[in-house]
Amino acid sequence: MIYNNNKPIFSAVILAAGNSSRMGVPKMSLKFNAKSNFLENIVSEILTCGADEIVVVVNAKANFQKDFFATKFVVNTHPDWGRFHSLKLGLNGVKNIEKVLIINVDNPFINAKVIDNLVMESNDIDFVYPTYEGKGGHPFLINKKVVTSIINESNIHFNLKEFLKSFNGKSIHVLDEKILANINTKEDYEKFFG
């Protein structure tokens, strides 16, 4: 495993290309706290864990800063084609595909401890994901074998859970219920942020 400042090096893809029709505004721009929005919080947590590159997949309507942190933006001109297509686009933008962390922008409660656990437990495994009380959550980490297979898959409408069933996966129990959280509606946002 390659290390940088005593941290394992990995890449990350943040999926933020949805139209946010139920929310009414792009989820990546929602306020997470007084200092940052969803995207800024996610990027900050990923960078503290040793990520050497971050690719953010956005839609053509997104308003984003091209010089934002250490990120590269990839535009999905067909967000209606689904999450698997967005993931393919994001992975095509990654240079280091040995280990890639995948996070949805509507799971903003990402934290460094969970990421560190996933990275450290990812040796000799195709993908690893966190669980809380038996339920799988986000983010998850995939290896080069899975990355290459997703990039080469011609069916852009594949269900990711179904796709991963043909690979060797591992779950990591974490004491963080928020790995299960998805902020998809205004009601979801109010529940967590008031």
N, C-alpha and C. Protein backbone atom coordinates (compact mmCIF):
# COMPACT_ATOMS: atom_id res chain seq x y z
N MET A 1 0.84 -1.17 0.00
CA MET A 1 0.00 0.00 0.00
C MET A 1 0.89 1.25 0.00
N ILE A 2 0.54 2.26 -0.81
CA ILE A 2 1.29 3.49 -0.87
C ILE A 2 0.81 4.43 0.22
N TYR A 3 1.75 5.11 0.88
CA TYR A 3 1.40 6.02 1.97
C TYR A 3 1.86 7.43 1.67
N ASN A 4 1.13 8.39 2.22
CA ASN A 4 1.47 9.80 2.13
C ASN A 4 1.26 10.40 3.51
N ASN A 5 2.33 10.88 4.15
CA ASN A 5 2.23 11.41 5.52
C ASN A 5 1.60 10.39 6.47
N ASN A 6 2.06 9.14 6.36
CA ASN A 6 1.59 8.04 7.20
C ASN A 6 0.12 7.65 6.96
N LYS A 7 -0.47 8.16 5.90
CA LYS A 7 -1.84 7.80 5.55
C LYS A 7 -1.83 7.04 4.23
N PRO A 8 -2.63 5.98 4.11
CA PRO A 8 -2.69 5.27 2.83
C PRO A 8 -3.26 6.17 1.74
N ILE A 9 -2.68 6.12 0.57
CA ILE A 9 -3.16 6.94 -0.55
C ILE A 9 -4.33 6.25 -1.24
N PHE A 10 -5.37 7.01 -1.52
CA PHE A 10 -6.51 6.51 -2.28
C PHE A 10 -7.10 7.67 -3.06
N SER A 11 -7.95 7.36 -4.01
CA SER A 11 -8.68 8.37 -4.77
C SER A 11 -10.13 8.37 -4.29
N ALA A 12 -10.88 9.38 -4.70
CA ALA A 12 -12.29 9.44 -4.31
C ALA A 12 -13.13 9.99 -5.46
N VAL A 13 -14.34 9.47 -5.56
CA VAL A 13 -15.33 9.98 -6.51
C VAL A 13 -16.56 10.38 -5.71
N ILE A 14 -16.98 11.62 -5.88
CA ILE A 14 -18.19 12.12 -5.23
C ILE A 14 -19.27 12.24 -6.29
N LEU A 15 -20.39 11.57 -6.09
CA LEU A 15 -21.49 11.59 -7.06
C LEU A 15 -22.47 12.70 -6.69
N ALA A 16 -22.54 13.71 -7.55
CA ALA A 16 -23.39 14.88 -7.28
C ALA A 16 -24.09 15.37 -8.54
N ALA A 17 -24.45 14.44 -9.43
CA ALA A 17 -25.01 14.83 -10.73
C ALA A 17 -26.53 14.79 -10.77
N GLY A 18 -27.17 14.39 -9.69
CA GLY A 18 -28.63 14.31 -9.69
C GLY A 18 -29.27 15.68 -9.89
N ASN A 19 -30.51 15.67 -10.35
CA ASN A 19 -31.22 16.92 -10.61
C ASN A 19 -31.82 17.54 -9.35
N SER A 20 -31.80 16.80 -8.23
CA SER A 20 -32.32 17.31 -6.95
C SER A 20 -33.74 17.83 -7.08
N SER A 21 -34.56 17.14 -7.85
CA SER A 21 -35.93 17.61 -8.10
C SER A 21 -36.77 17.65 -6.83
N ARG A 22 -36.56 16.69 -5.93
CA ARG A 22 -37.33 16.68 -4.68
C ARG A 22 -36.84 17.73 -3.70
N MET A 23 -35.56 18.07 -3.79
CA MET A 23 -34.99 19.06 -2.88
C MET A 23 -35.24 20.48 -3.38
N GLY A 24 -35.21 20.65 -4.69
CA GLY A 24 -35.45 21.98 -5.26
C GLY A 24 -34.18 22.79 -5.49
N VAL A 25 -33.08 22.41 -4.86
CA VAL A 25 -31.78 23.06 -5.05
C VAL A 25 -30.72 21.97 -5.12
N PRO A 26 -29.57 22.23 -5.74
CA PRO A 26 -28.51 21.21 -5.80
C PRO A 26 -28.07 20.80 -4.39
N LYS A 27 -28.03 19.51 -4.12
CA LYS A 27 -27.70 19.04 -2.77
C LYS A 27 -26.28 19.42 -2.37
N MET A 28 -25.38 19.48 -3.34
CA MET A 28 -23.99 19.78 -2.98
C MET A 28 -23.85 21.18 -2.40
N SER A 29 -24.80 22.07 -2.68
CA SER A 29 -24.71 23.45 -2.19
C SER A 29 -25.48 23.68 -0.89
N LEU A 30 -26.15 22.64 -0.38
CA LEU A 30 -26.88 22.78 0.89
C LEU A 30 -25.91 23.06 2.03
N LYS A 31 -26.30 23.91 2.95
CA LYS A 31 -25.45 24.24 4.09
C LYS A 31 -25.33 23.03 5.02
N PHE A 32 -24.08 22.66 5.32
CA PHE A 32 -23.82 21.60 6.29
C PHE A 32 -23.64 22.19 7.68
N ASN A 33 -22.91 23.29 7.74
CA ASN A 33 -22.75 24.04 8.98
C ASN A 33 -22.47 25.50 8.60
N ALA A 34 -22.09 26.30 9.58
CA ALA A 34 -21.87 27.73 9.32
C ALA A 34 -20.71 27.99 8.37
N LYS A 35 -19.79 27.03 8.25
CA LYS A 35 -18.58 27.24 7.45
C LYS A 35 -18.60 26.55 6.10
N SER A 36 -19.41 25.51 5.94
CA SER A 36 -19.30 24.73 4.71
C SER A 36 -20.63 24.17 4.24
N ASN A 37 -20.69 23.89 2.93
CA ASN A 37 -21.86 23.21 2.38
C ASN A 37 -21.56 21.70 2.32
N PHE A 38 -22.51 20.93 1.79
CA PHE A 38 -22.35 19.47 1.75
C PHE A 38 -21.05 19.07 1.05
N LEU A 39 -20.82 19.62 -0.14
CA LEU A 39 -19.65 19.23 -0.92
C LEU A 39 -18.36 19.61 -0.21
N GLU A 40 -18.30 20.81 0.33
CA GLU A 40 -17.10 21.26 1.02
C GLU A 40 -16.79 20.38 2.23
N ASN A 41 -17.82 19.99 2.97
CA ASN A 41 -17.62 19.14 4.14
C ASN A 41 -17.09 17.76 3.72
N ILE A 42 -17.67 17.19 2.68
CA ILE A 42 -17.25 15.88 2.21
C ILE A 42 -15.79 15.92 1.73
N VAL A 43 -15.46 16.91 0.93
CA VAL A 43 -14.09 17.03 0.41
C VAL A 43 -13.10 17.21 1.55
N SER A 44 -13.44 18.03 2.52
CA SER A 44 -12.55 18.28 3.65
C SER A 44 -12.26 17.00 4.42
N GLU A 45 -13.29 16.20 4.69
CA GLU A 45 -13.10 14.94 5.42
C GLU A 45 -12.25 13.96 4.62
N ILE A 46 -12.49 13.89 3.33
CA ILE A 46 -11.72 12.97 2.48
C ILE A 46 -10.25 13.36 2.45
N LEU A 47 -9.97 14.64 2.34
CA LEU A 47 -8.59 15.11 2.28
C LEU A 47 -7.83 14.83 3.57
N THR A 48 -8.50 14.89 4.71
CA THR A 48 -7.81 14.61 5.98
C THR A 48 -7.37 13.16 6.09
N CYS A 49 -7.94 12.29 5.25
CA CYS A 49 -7.64 10.86 5.32
C CYS A 49 -6.56 10.42 4.34
N GLY A 50 -6.02 11.34 3.57
CA GLY A 50 -4.92 10.98 2.68
C GLY A 50 -5.26 10.84 1.22
N ALA A 51 -6.47 11.25 0.81
CA ALA A 51 -6.81 11.17 -0.61
C ALA A 51 -5.88 12.04 -1.43
N ASP A 52 -5.38 11.49 -2.54
CA ASP A 52 -4.49 12.28 -3.38
C ASP A 52 -5.21 12.88 -4.58
N GLU A 53 -6.43 12.45 -4.84
CA GLU A 53 -7.23 13.08 -5.88
C GLU A 53 -8.71 12.84 -5.61
N ILE A 54 -9.51 13.84 -5.96
CA ILE A 54 -10.96 13.76 -5.78
C ILE A 54 -11.62 14.19 -7.08
N VAL A 55 -12.53 13.35 -7.57
CA VAL A 55 -13.30 13.67 -8.77
C VAL A 55 -14.76 13.84 -8.34
N VAL A 56 -15.35 14.96 -8.74
CA VAL A 56 -16.76 15.23 -8.42
C VAL A 56 -17.55 15.19 -9.72
N VAL A 57 -18.58 14.35 -9.76
CA VAL A 57 -19.44 14.26 -10.94
C VAL A 57 -20.65 15.16 -10.71
N VAL A 58 -20.83 16.15 -11.59
CA VAL A 58 -21.93 17.11 -11.47
C VAL A 58 -22.74 17.11 -12.76
N ASN A 59 -23.93 17.72 -12.71
CA ASN A 59 -24.70 17.86 -13.94
C ASN A 59 -24.40 19.20 -14.60
N ALA A 60 -24.90 19.38 -15.80
CA ALA A 60 -24.55 20.56 -16.60
C ALA A 60 -25.08 21.85 -15.98
N LYS A 61 -26.08 21.76 -15.10
CA LYS A 61 -26.66 22.96 -14.48
C LYS A 61 -25.91 23.39 -13.23
N ALA A 62 -24.98 22.58 -12.78
CA ALA A 62 -24.31 22.84 -11.51
C ALA A 62 -23.43 24.08 -11.58
N ASN A 63 -23.44 24.82 -10.48
CA ASN A 63 -22.57 25.98 -10.34
C ASN A 63 -21.45 25.58 -9.39
N PHE A 64 -20.23 25.44 -9.90
CA PHE A 64 -19.15 24.96 -9.06
C PHE A 64 -17.87 25.73 -9.33
N GLN A 65 -16.98 25.70 -8.36
CA GLN A 65 -15.68 26.37 -8.49
C GLN A 65 -14.68 25.38 -9.06
N LYS A 66 -14.09 25.69 -10.19
CA LYS A 66 -13.16 24.76 -10.83
C LYS A 66 -11.87 24.59 -10.03
N ASP A 67 -11.55 25.56 -9.20
CA ASP A 67 -10.32 25.47 -8.42
C ASP A 67 -10.57 25.02 -6.98
N PHE A 68 -11.72 24.42 -6.76
CA PHE A 68 -12.17 24.04 -5.43
C PHE A 68 -11.30 22.92 -4.84
N PHE A 69 -10.57 23.22 -3.78
CA PHE A 69 -9.71 22.25 -3.11
C PHE A 69 -8.86 21.48 -4.14
N ALA A 70 -8.77 20.17 -3.96
CA ALA A 70 -7.95 19.33 -4.84
C ALA A 70 -8.85 18.53 -5.76
N THR A 71 -9.91 19.15 -6.22
CA THR A 71 -10.91 18.39 -6.96
C THR A 71 -10.83 18.61 -8.46
N LYS A 72 -11.34 17.58 -9.14
CA LYS A 72 -11.53 17.65 -10.58
C LYS A 72 -13.03 17.45 -10.81
N PHE A 73 -13.63 18.28 -11.65
CA PHE A 73 -15.06 18.15 -11.92
C PHE A 73 -15.29 17.50 -13.26
N VAL A 74 -16.21 16.53 -13.28
CA VAL A 74 -16.63 15.85 -14.51
C VAL A 74 -18.12 16.13 -14.67
N VAL A 75 -18.52 16.59 -15.85
CA VAL A 75 -19.92 16.93 -16.08
C VAL A 75 -20.65 15.75 -16.71
N ASN A 76 -21.75 15.36 -16.08
CA ASN A 76 -22.63 14.32 -16.61
C ASN A 76 -23.76 15.02 -17.36
N THR A 77 -23.73 14.95 -18.67
CA THR A 77 -24.77 15.61 -19.48
C THR A 77 -26.06 14.79 -19.55
N HIS A 78 -26.03 13.58 -18.99
CA HIS A 78 -27.23 12.73 -18.98
C HIS A 78 -27.48 12.17 -17.57
N PRO A 79 -27.77 13.04 -16.58
CA PRO A 79 -28.00 12.53 -15.23
C PRO A 79 -29.20 11.60 -15.14
N ASP A 80 -30.11 11.71 -16.11
CA ASP A 80 -31.28 10.85 -16.15
C ASP A 80 -30.91 9.40 -16.46
N TRP A 81 -29.68 9.15 -16.91
CA TRP A 81 -29.24 7.79 -17.19
C TRP A 81 -28.90 7.01 -15.92
N GLY A 82 -28.84 7.69 -14.79
CA GLY A 82 -28.69 6.99 -13.52
C GLY A 82 -27.31 7.03 -12.90
N ARG A 83 -27.28 6.47 -11.69
CA ARG A 83 -26.09 6.51 -10.85
C ARG A 83 -24.91 5.73 -11.43
N PHE A 84 -25.18 4.59 -12.05
CA PHE A 84 -24.09 3.77 -12.59
C PHE A 84 -23.34 4.54 -13.68
N HIS A 85 -24.09 5.25 -14.51
CA HIS A 85 -23.47 6.06 -15.57
C HIS A 85 -22.60 7.16 -14.95
N SER A 86 -23.11 7.82 -13.91
CA SER A 86 -22.33 8.85 -13.21
C SER A 86 -21.04 8.26 -12.64
N LEU A 87 -21.16 7.08 -12.06
CA LEU A 87 -19.98 6.42 -11.48
C LEU A 87 -18.95 6.10 -12.55
N LYS A 88 -19.40 5.60 -13.70
CA LYS A 88 -18.49 5.32 -14.82
C LYS A 88 -17.74 6.59 -15.23
N LEU A 89 -18.46 7.69 -15.35
CA LEU A 89 -17.84 8.95 -15.74
C LEU A 89 -16.80 9.38 -14.71
N GLY A 90 -17.16 9.28 -13.43
CA GLY A 90 -16.24 9.67 -12.37
C GLY A 90 -14.99 8.82 -12.36
N LEU A 91 -15.16 7.51 -12.50
CA LEU A 91 -14.01 6.60 -12.47
C LEU A 91 -13.10 6.81 -13.68
N ASN A 92 -13.68 7.19 -14.81
CA ASN A 92 -12.88 7.50 -15.99
C ASN A 92 -12.01 8.73 -15.77
N GLY A 93 -12.39 9.57 -14.81
CA GLY A 93 -11.62 10.77 -14.51
C GLY A 93 -10.54 10.58 -13.46
N VAL A 94 -10.47 9.37 -12.88
CA VAL A 94 -9.51 9.09 -11.81
C VAL A 94 -8.20 8.57 -12.41
N LYS A 95 -7.09 9.09 -11.94
CA LYS A 95 -5.78 8.62 -12.41
C LYS A 95 -5.32 7.40 -11.63
N ASN A 96 -5.40 7.46 -10.30
CA ASN A 96 -4.97 6.35 -9.44
C ASN A 96 -6.18 5.51 -9.09
N ILE A 97 -6.28 4.33 -9.72
CA ILE A 97 -7.47 3.49 -9.53
C ILE A 97 -7.21 2.28 -8.62
N GLU A 98 -6.13 2.28 -7.88
CA GLU A 98 -5.82 1.16 -6.99
C GLU A 98 -6.90 1.00 -5.91
N LYS A 99 -7.27 2.11 -5.30
CA LYS A 99 -8.33 2.14 -4.28
C LYS A 99 -9.12 3.42 -4.50
N VAL A 100 -10.44 3.29 -4.66
CA VAL A 100 -11.27 4.47 -4.91
C VAL A 100 -12.46 4.48 -3.95
N LEU A 101 -12.57 5.56 -3.21
CA LEU A 101 -13.69 5.77 -2.30
C LEU A 101 -14.85 6.38 -3.08
N ILE A 102 -16.05 5.83 -2.90
CA ILE A 102 -17.24 6.34 -3.58
C ILE A 102 -18.20 6.90 -2.54
N ILE A 103 -18.63 8.16 -2.74
CA ILE A 103 -19.56 8.79 -1.81
C ILE A 103 -20.61 9.58 -2.58
N ASN A 104 -21.85 9.48 -2.14
CA ASN A 104 -22.93 10.28 -2.71
C ASN A 104 -23.00 11.60 -1.96
N VAL A 105 -23.26 12.68 -2.67
CA VAL A 105 -23.30 13.99 -2.02
C VAL A 105 -24.49 14.10 -1.06
N ASP A 106 -25.48 13.24 -1.23
CA ASP A 106 -26.62 13.29 -0.30
C ASP A 106 -26.39 12.45 0.97
N ASN A 107 -25.17 11.96 1.14
CA ASN A 107 -24.72 11.33 2.39
C ASN A 107 -23.62 12.22 2.98
N PRO A 108 -23.97 13.39 3.50
CA PRO A 108 -22.96 14.38 3.86
C PRO A 108 -22.25 14.14 5.18
N PHE A 109 -22.69 13.12 5.93
CA PHE A 109 -22.14 12.92 7.27
C PHE A 109 -20.89 12.04 7.28
N ILE A 110 -20.20 12.02 6.17
CA ILE A 110 -18.96 11.27 6.05
C ILE A 110 -17.99 11.73 7.14
N ASN A 111 -17.26 10.77 7.71
CA ASN A 111 -16.26 11.19 8.70
C ASN A 111 -14.96 10.42 8.52
N ALA A 112 -13.89 11.05 8.95
CA ALA A 112 -12.55 10.53 8.73
C ALA A 112 -12.35 9.14 9.34
N LYS A 113 -12.95 8.90 10.50
CA LYS A 113 -12.75 7.61 11.16
C LYS A 113 -13.30 6.46 10.32
N VAL A 114 -14.48 6.63 9.76
CA VAL A 114 -15.08 5.60 8.91
C VAL A 114 -14.22 5.39 7.66
N ILE A 115 -13.79 6.49 7.04
CA ILE A 115 -12.94 6.37 5.84
C ILE A 115 -11.65 5.63 6.17
N ASP A 116 -11.01 6.00 7.26
CA ASP A 116 -9.76 5.33 7.65
C ASP A 116 -9.98 3.83 7.84
N ASN A 117 -11.10 3.45 8.48
CA ASN A 117 -11.42 2.03 8.67
C ASN A 117 -11.58 1.31 7.35
N LEU A 118 -12.28 1.94 6.41
CA LEU A 118 -12.49 1.31 5.11
C LEU A 118 -11.18 1.11 4.37
N VAL A 119 -10.34 2.14 4.36
CA VAL A 119 -9.06 2.06 3.65
C VAL A 119 -8.17 0.98 4.27
N MET A 120 -8.09 0.95 5.58
CA MET A 120 -7.22 -0.02 6.26
C MET A 120 -7.71 -1.46 6.12
N GLU A 121 -9.01 -1.64 5.94
CA GLU A 121 -9.59 -2.99 5.81
C GLU A 121 -9.73 -3.44 4.36
N SER A 122 -9.22 -2.65 3.43
CA SER A 122 -9.49 -2.92 2.01
C SER A 122 -8.44 -3.79 1.33
N ASN A 123 -7.42 -4.22 2.04
CA ASN A 123 -6.41 -5.08 1.42
C ASN A 123 -6.99 -6.45 1.06
N ASP A 124 -6.62 -6.94 -0.11
CA ASP A 124 -7.03 -8.27 -0.57
C ASP A 124 -8.54 -8.45 -0.60
N ILE A 125 -9.26 -7.38 -0.89
CA ILE A 125 -10.73 -7.45 -0.98
C ILE A 125 -11.14 -6.54 -2.14
N ASP A 126 -12.22 -6.90 -2.83
CA ASP A 126 -12.65 -6.10 -3.99
C ASP A 126 -13.37 -4.82 -3.58
N PHE A 127 -14.21 -4.91 -2.56
CA PHE A 127 -14.89 -3.71 -2.08
C PHE A 127 -15.23 -3.87 -0.61
N VAL A 128 -15.31 -2.74 0.08
CA VAL A 128 -15.59 -2.74 1.51
C VAL A 128 -16.55 -1.59 1.81
N TYR A 129 -17.48 -1.85 2.73
CA TYR A 129 -18.50 -0.85 3.04
C TYR A 129 -18.84 -0.90 4.52
N PRO A 130 -19.33 0.21 5.09
CA PRO A 130 -19.67 0.23 6.51
C PRO A 130 -21.09 -0.26 6.76
N THR A 131 -21.30 -0.83 7.94
CA THR A 131 -22.66 -1.22 8.35
C THR A 131 -22.93 -0.68 9.74
N TYR A 132 -24.21 -0.42 10.00
CA TYR A 132 -24.66 -0.03 11.33
C TYR A 132 -25.89 -0.86 11.64
N GLU A 133 -25.81 -1.66 12.72
CA GLU A 133 -26.89 -2.56 13.12
C GLU A 133 -27.39 -3.40 11.95
N GLY A 134 -26.44 -3.92 11.17
CA GLY A 134 -26.75 -4.85 10.09
C GLY A 134 -27.17 -4.21 8.78
N LYS A 135 -27.25 -2.88 8.73
CA LYS A 135 -27.65 -2.19 7.50
C LYS A 135 -26.44 -1.54 6.85
N GLY A 136 -26.31 -1.75 5.54
CA GLY A 136 -25.19 -1.19 4.80
C GLY A 136 -25.36 0.30 4.54
N GLY A 137 -24.24 1.02 4.59
CA GLY A 137 -24.29 2.46 4.39
C GLY A 137 -23.20 2.97 3.47
N HIS A 138 -22.88 4.24 3.63
CA HIS A 138 -21.91 4.92 2.77
C HIS A 138 -20.86 5.62 3.63
N PRO A 139 -19.69 5.86 3.05
CA PRO A 139 -19.25 5.57 1.67
C PRO A 139 -18.79 4.13 1.54
N PHE A 140 -18.35 3.75 0.35
CA PHE A 140 -17.75 2.44 0.17
C PHE A 140 -16.48 2.58 -0.66
N LEU A 141 -15.63 1.57 -0.60
CA LEU A 141 -14.33 1.63 -1.27
C LEU A 141 -14.20 0.45 -2.21
N ILE A 142 -13.73 0.70 -3.43
CA ILE A 142 -13.55 -0.37 -4.42
C ILE A 142 -12.10 -0.43 -4.87
N ASN A 143 -11.68 -1.61 -5.31
CA ASN A 143 -10.30 -1.76 -5.77
C ASN A 143 -10.21 -1.67 -7.29
N LYS A 144 -9.00 -1.80 -7.79
CA LYS A 144 -8.74 -1.65 -9.23
C LYS A 144 -9.56 -2.62 -10.08
N LYS A 145 -9.73 -3.84 -9.59
CA LYS A 145 -10.50 -4.85 -10.32
C LYS A 145 -11.93 -4.38 -10.55
N VAL A 146 -12.57 -3.83 -9.51
CA VAL A 146 -13.95 -3.36 -9.63
C VAL A 146 -14.01 -2.10 -10.48
N VAL A 147 -13.06 -1.19 -10.27
CA VAL A 147 -13.01 0.05 -11.06
C VAL A 147 -12.96 -0.28 -12.55
N THR A 148 -12.04 -1.16 -12.92
CA THR A 148 -11.86 -1.53 -14.32
C THR A 148 -13.12 -2.18 -14.89
N SER A 149 -13.76 -3.02 -14.10
CA SER A 149 -14.99 -3.70 -14.56
C SER A 149 -16.13 -2.70 -14.77
N ILE A 150 -16.25 -1.72 -13.89
CA ILE A 150 -17.30 -0.71 -14.05
C ILE A 150 -17.04 0.13 -15.30
N ILE A 151 -15.80 0.56 -15.48
CA ILE A 151 -15.45 1.37 -16.65
C ILE A 151 -15.73 0.61 -17.95
N ASN A 152 -15.46 -0.70 -17.95
CA ASN A 152 -15.63 -1.51 -19.15
C ASN A 152 -17.05 -2.03 -19.36
N GLU A 153 -17.93 -1.87 -18.37
CA GLU A 153 -19.30 -2.36 -18.48
C GLU A 153 -20.10 -1.52 -19.48
N SER A 154 -20.70 -2.18 -20.46
CA SER A 154 -21.44 -1.44 -21.51
C SER A 154 -22.85 -1.06 -21.08
N ASN A 155 -23.41 -1.77 -20.10
CA ASN A 155 -24.76 -1.47 -19.63
C ASN A 155 -24.71 -0.32 -18.63
N ILE A 156 -25.06 0.87 -19.06
CA ILE A 156 -24.97 2.04 -18.19
C ILE A 156 -26.10 2.10 -17.17
N HIS A 157 -27.10 1.24 -17.32
CA HIS A 157 -28.24 1.24 -16.40
C HIS A 157 -28.13 0.15 -15.33
N PHE A 158 -26.95 -0.41 -15.17
CA PHE A 158 -26.73 -1.47 -14.18
C PHE A 158 -27.06 -0.97 -12.78
N ASN A 159 -27.65 -1.83 -11.97
CA ASN A 159 -27.85 -1.54 -10.56
C ASN A 159 -26.54 -1.87 -9.86
N LEU A 160 -25.97 -0.89 -9.15
CA LEU A 160 -24.64 -1.07 -8.56
C LEU A 160 -24.59 -2.21 -7.56
N LYS A 161 -25.63 -2.35 -6.73
CA LYS A 161 -25.66 -3.44 -5.75
C LYS A 161 -25.61 -4.78 -6.44
N GLU A 162 -26.37 -4.92 -7.52
CA GLU A 162 -26.36 -6.17 -8.28
C GLU A 162 -25.00 -6.40 -8.93
N PHE A 163 -24.42 -5.34 -9.46
CA PHE A 163 -23.12 -5.44 -10.12
C PHE A 163 -22.05 -5.94 -9.15
N LEU A 164 -22.07 -5.44 -7.92
CA LEU A 164 -21.04 -5.78 -6.93
C LEU A 164 -21.17 -7.21 -6.40
N LYS A 165 -22.31 -7.87 -6.64
CA LYS A 165 -22.50 -9.23 -6.14
C LYS A 165 -21.52 -10.23 -6.74
N SER A 166 -20.93 -9.90 -7.87
CA SER A 166 -19.98 -10.83 -8.50
C SER A 166 -18.55 -10.61 -8.00
N PHE A 167 -18.39 -9.73 -7.00
CA PHE A 167 -17.06 -9.44 -6.45
C PHE A 167 -17.00 -9.81 -4.97
N ASN A 168 -15.79 -9.91 -4.48
CA ASN A 168 -15.57 -10.28 -3.08
C ASN A 168 -15.64 -9.04 -2.19
N GLY A 169 -16.73 -8.94 -1.42
CA GLY A 169 -16.95 -7.77 -0.59
C GLY A 169 -16.82 -8.06 0.89
N LYS A 170 -16.69 -6.99 1.66
CA LYS A 170 -16.53 -7.11 3.11
C LYS A 170 -17.23 -5.94 3.78
N SER A 171 -17.96 -6.22 4.85
CA SER A 171 -18.60 -5.16 5.61
C SER A 171 -17.81 -4.87 6.88
N ILE A 172 -17.80 -3.61 7.28
CA ILE A 172 -17.13 -3.17 8.49
C ILE A 172 -18.16 -2.54 9.41
N HIS A 173 -18.35 -3.11 10.59
CA HIS A 173 -19.31 -2.54 11.53
C HIS A 173 -18.75 -1.26 12.13
N VAL A 174 -19.56 -0.19 12.08
CA VAL A 174 -19.16 1.09 12.66
C VAL A 174 -20.24 1.57 13.63
N LEU A 175 -19.84 2.38 14.58
CA LEU A 175 -20.77 2.91 15.57
C LEU A 175 -21.21 4.32 15.16
N ASP A 176 -21.74 4.42 13.96
CA ASP A 176 -22.14 5.71 13.43
C ASP A 176 -23.40 5.54 12.59
N GLU A 177 -24.54 5.83 13.19
CA GLU A 177 -25.83 5.64 12.52
C GLU A 177 -25.96 6.52 11.28
N LYS A 178 -25.23 7.60 11.22
CA LYS A 178 -25.38 8.55 10.11
C LYS A 178 -24.84 8.02 8.79
N ILE A 179 -24.15 6.87 8.81
CA ILE A 179 -23.72 6.27 7.53
C ILE A 179 -24.94 5.83 6.71
N LEU A 180 -26.10 5.73 7.37
CA LEU A 180 -27.33 5.30 6.69
C LEU A 180 -28.14 6.47 6.16
N ALA A 181 -27.75 7.69 6.53
CA ALA A 181 -28.57 8.87 6.20
C ALA A 181 -28.47 9.26 4.73
N ASN A 182 -29.61 9.59 4.14
CA ASN A 182 -29.69 10.16 2.80
C ASN A 182 -30.54 11.42 2.90
N ILE A 183 -30.02 12.52 2.38
CA ILE A 183 -30.78 13.77 2.39
C ILE A 183 -31.34 13.98 0.98
N ASN A 184 -32.58 13.51 0.77
CA ASN A 184 -33.18 13.57 -0.55
C ASN A 184 -34.30 14.60 -0.68
N THR A 185 -34.89 14.97 0.44
CA THR A 185 -36.02 15.89 0.41
C THR A 185 -35.82 17.02 1.41
N LYS A 186 -36.66 18.04 1.32
CA LYS A 186 -36.61 19.15 2.28
C LYS A 186 -36.90 18.64 3.69
N GLU A 187 -37.77 17.64 3.79
CA GLU A 187 -38.09 17.06 5.09
C GLU A 187 -36.88 16.36 5.69
N ASP A 188 -36.12 15.64 4.85
CA ASP A 188 -34.89 15.00 5.33
C ASP A 188 -33.91 16.05 5.85
N TYR A 189 -33.78 17.13 5.12
CA TYR A 189 -32.85 18.18 5.52
C TYR A 189 -33.27 18.79 6.85
N GLU A 190 -34.56 19.07 6.99
CA GLU A 190 -35.08 19.65 8.24
C GLU A 190 -34.85 18.70 9.42
N LYS A 191 -34.99 17.42 9.18
CA LYS A 191 -34.80 16.42 10.25
C LYS A 191 -33.41 16.49 10.83
N PHE A 192 -32.41 16.64 10.00
CA PHE A 192 -31.03 16.62 10.46
C PHE A 192 -30.45 18.01 10.76
N PHE A 193 -30.96 19.02 10.07
CA PHE A 193 -30.33 20.33 10.20
C PHE A 193 -31.26 21.42 10.77
N GLY A 194 -32.52 21.09 11.00
CA GLY A 194 -33.43 22.04 11.64
C GLY A 194 -33.88 23.17 10.75
